[in-house]
Amino acid sequence: MASVQYEIVEHNDGWAYKLGDVFSETFPSREAAHAAAERAAREQRLPGEDTDIQYEDARGQWRVEHASGDDRPNTTVKD
């Protein structure tokens, strides 16, 4: 099972949560960013419908993968 960790960071004169290199919107306080990250983490764990995902890889090749709706990651928030 995959693991996803949201990190709380200072961003644009406020606070945000970050996943990899991607930032959320900016929040006025660390607490607000943390609460938003907790919500995002909970939503990531919710099961959904099976679907096929199509994406272009780093070599420019198009790939198709089947994603099971109950294959959800473990999520954490690092403050």
C-alpha atoms as a PDB file:
ATOM      1  CA  MET A   1       0.000   0.000   0.000  1.00  0.00           C
ATOM      2  CA  ALA A   2       1.281   3.459  -0.878  1.00  0.00           C
ATOM      3  CA  SER A   3       1.982   6.120   1.718  1.00  0.00           C
ATOM      4  CA  VAL A   4       1.265   9.821   1.290  1.00  0.00           C
ATOM      5  CA  GLN A   5       2.602  12.479   3.650  1.00  0.00           C
ATOM      6  CA  TYR A   6       1.364  16.057   3.659  1.00  0.00           C
ATOM      7  CA  GLU A   7       3.839  18.532   5.130  1.00  0.00           C
ATOM      8  CA  ILE A   8       2.949  21.872   6.733  1.00  0.00           C
ATOM      9  CA  VAL A   9       5.266  24.642   5.470  1.00  0.00           C
ATOM     10  CA  GLU A  10       5.564  28.425   5.388  1.00  0.00           C
ATOM     11  CA  HIS A  11       4.415  29.668   1.983  1.00  0.00           C
ATOM     12  CA  ASN A  12       3.579  33.057   0.400  1.00  0.00           C
ATOM     13  CA  ASP A  13       3.520  35.000   3.689  1.00  0.00           C
ATOM     14  CA  GLY A  14       1.370  32.351   5.338  1.00  0.00           C
ATOM     15  CA  TRP A  15       1.136  28.588   5.695  1.00  0.00           C
ATOM     16  CA  ALA A  16       0.319  25.769   3.304  1.00  0.00           C
ATOM     17  CA  TYR A  17       0.428  22.028   3.113  1.00  0.00           C
ATOM     18  CA  LYS A  18       2.652  20.405   0.542  1.00  0.00           C
ATOM     19  CA  LEU A  19       2.604  17.039  -1.169  1.00  0.00           C
ATOM     20  CA  GLY A  20       5.801  16.393  -3.077  1.00  0.00           C
ATOM     21  CA  ASP A  21       6.507  19.623  -4.959  1.00  0.00           C
ATOM     22  CA  VAL A  22       2.873  20.789  -4.988  1.00  0.00           C
ATOM     23  CA  PHE A  23       1.554  23.413  -2.544  1.00  0.00           C
ATOM     24  CA  SER A  24      -2.007  23.971  -1.376  1.00  0.00           C
ATOM     25  CA  GLU A  25      -3.490  27.431  -1.239  1.00  0.00           C
ATOM     26  CA  THR A  26      -2.040  29.712   1.434  1.00  0.00           C
ATOM     27  CA  PHE A  27      -3.673  29.790   4.870  1.00  0.00           C
ATOM     28  CA  PRO A  28      -3.344  32.580   7.451  1.00  0.00           C
ATOM     29  CA  SER A  29      -2.123  30.269  10.228  1.00  0.00           C
ATOM     30  CA  ARG A  30      -0.239  27.023  10.732  1.00  0.00           C
ATOM     31  CA  GLU A  31      -3.308  25.619  12.497  1.00  0.00           C
ATOM     32  CA  ALA A  32      -5.575  26.356   9.513  1.00  0.00           C
ATOM     33  CA  ALA A  33      -3.094  24.720   7.115  1.00  0.00           C
ATOM     34  CA  HIS A  34      -2.841  21.705   9.405  1.00  0.00           C
ATOM     35  CA  ALA A  35      -6.633  21.334   9.592  1.00  0.00           C
ATOM     36  CA  ALA A  36      -6.873  21.538   5.787  1.00  0.00           C
ATOM     37  CA  ALA A  37      -4.122  18.922   5.404  1.00  0.00           C
ATOM     38  CA  GLU A  38      -5.948  16.610   7.819  1.00  0.00           C
ATOM     39  CA  ARG A  39      -9.119  16.979   5.716  1.00  0.00           C
ATOM     40  CA  ALA A  40      -7.183  16.220   2.515  1.00  0.00           C
ATOM     41  CA  ALA A  41      -5.557  13.196   4.172  1.00  0.00           C
ATOM     42  CA  ARG A  42      -8.955  11.839   5.285  1.00  0.00           C
ATOM     43  CA  GLU A  43     -10.383  12.293   1.785  1.00  0.00           C
ATOM     44  CA  GLN A  44      -7.431  10.389   0.270  1.00  0.00           C
ATOM     45  CA  ARG A  45      -8.343   7.368   2.399  1.00  0.00           C
ATOM     46  CA  LEU A  46     -11.980   7.220   1.226  1.00  0.00           C
ATOM     47  CA  PRO A  47     -12.767   4.393  -1.176  1.00  0.00           C
ATOM     48  CA  GLY A  48     -14.131   5.277  -4.594  1.00  0.00           C
ATOM     49  CA  GLU A  49     -14.987   3.652  -7.902  1.00  0.00           C
ATOM     50  CA  ASP A  50     -12.601   1.598 -10.004  1.00  0.00           C
ATOM     51  CA  THR A  51     -11.252   3.612 -12.935  1.00  0.00           C
ATOM     52  CA  ASP A  52      -8.621   3.578 -15.640  1.00  0.00           C
ATOM     53  CA  ILE A  53      -5.950   6.276 -15.437  1.00  0.00           C
ATOM     54  CA  GLN A  54      -4.137   7.471 -18.547  1.00  0.00           C
ATOM     55  CA  TYR A  55      -0.925   9.492 -18.215  1.00  0.00           C
ATOM     56  CA  GLU A  56       2.252  10.386 -20.057  1.00  0.00           C
ATOM     57  CA  ASP A  57       5.443   9.134 -18.408  1.00  0.00           C
ATOM     58  CA  ALA A  58       8.822  10.899 -18.255  1.00  0.00           C
ATOM     59  CA  ARG A  59       9.847   9.300 -21.593  1.00  0.00           C
ATOM     60  CA  GLY A  60       6.790  10.657 -23.404  1.00  0.00           C
ATOM     61  CA  GLN A  61       5.068   7.248 -23.518  1.00  0.00           C
ATOM     62  CA  TRP A  62       1.338   7.124 -22.798  1.00  0.00           C
ATOM     63  CA  ARG A  63       0.393   4.600 -20.138  1.00  0.00           C
ATOM     64  CA  VAL A  64      -2.931   3.226 -18.959  1.00  0.00           C
ATOM     65  CA  GLU A  65      -3.340   1.745 -15.490  1.00  0.00           C
ATOM     66  CA  HIS A  66      -6.357   0.351 -13.723  1.00  0.00           C
ATOM     67  CA  ALA A  67      -6.938   1.888 -10.299  1.00  0.00           C
ATOM     68  CA  SER A  68      -9.028  -0.061  -7.832  1.00  0.00           C
ATOM     69  CA  GLY A  69     -11.399   2.147  -5.845  1.00  0.00           C
ATOM     70  CA  ASP A  70     -10.482   0.421  -2.606  1.00  0.00           C
ATOM     71  CA  ASP A  71      -6.688   0.696  -3.093  1.00  0.00           C
ATOM     72  CA  ARG A  72      -6.217   3.805  -0.966  1.00  0.00           C
ATOM     73  CA  PRO A  73      -2.935   5.095   0.468  1.00  0.00           C
ATOM     74  CA  ASN A  74      -1.918   5.452   4.090  1.00  0.00           C
ATOM     75  CA  THR A  75      -1.875   9.185   4.796  1.00  0.00           C
ATOM     76  CA  THR A  76      -0.136  11.291   7.433  1.00  0.00           C
ATOM     77  CA  VAL A  77       0.409  14.972   8.166  1.00  0.00           C
ATOM     78  CA  LYS A  78       3.885  16.151   9.192  1.00  0.00           C
ATOM     79  CA  ASP A  79       3.805  19.404  11.106  1.00  0.00           C
END
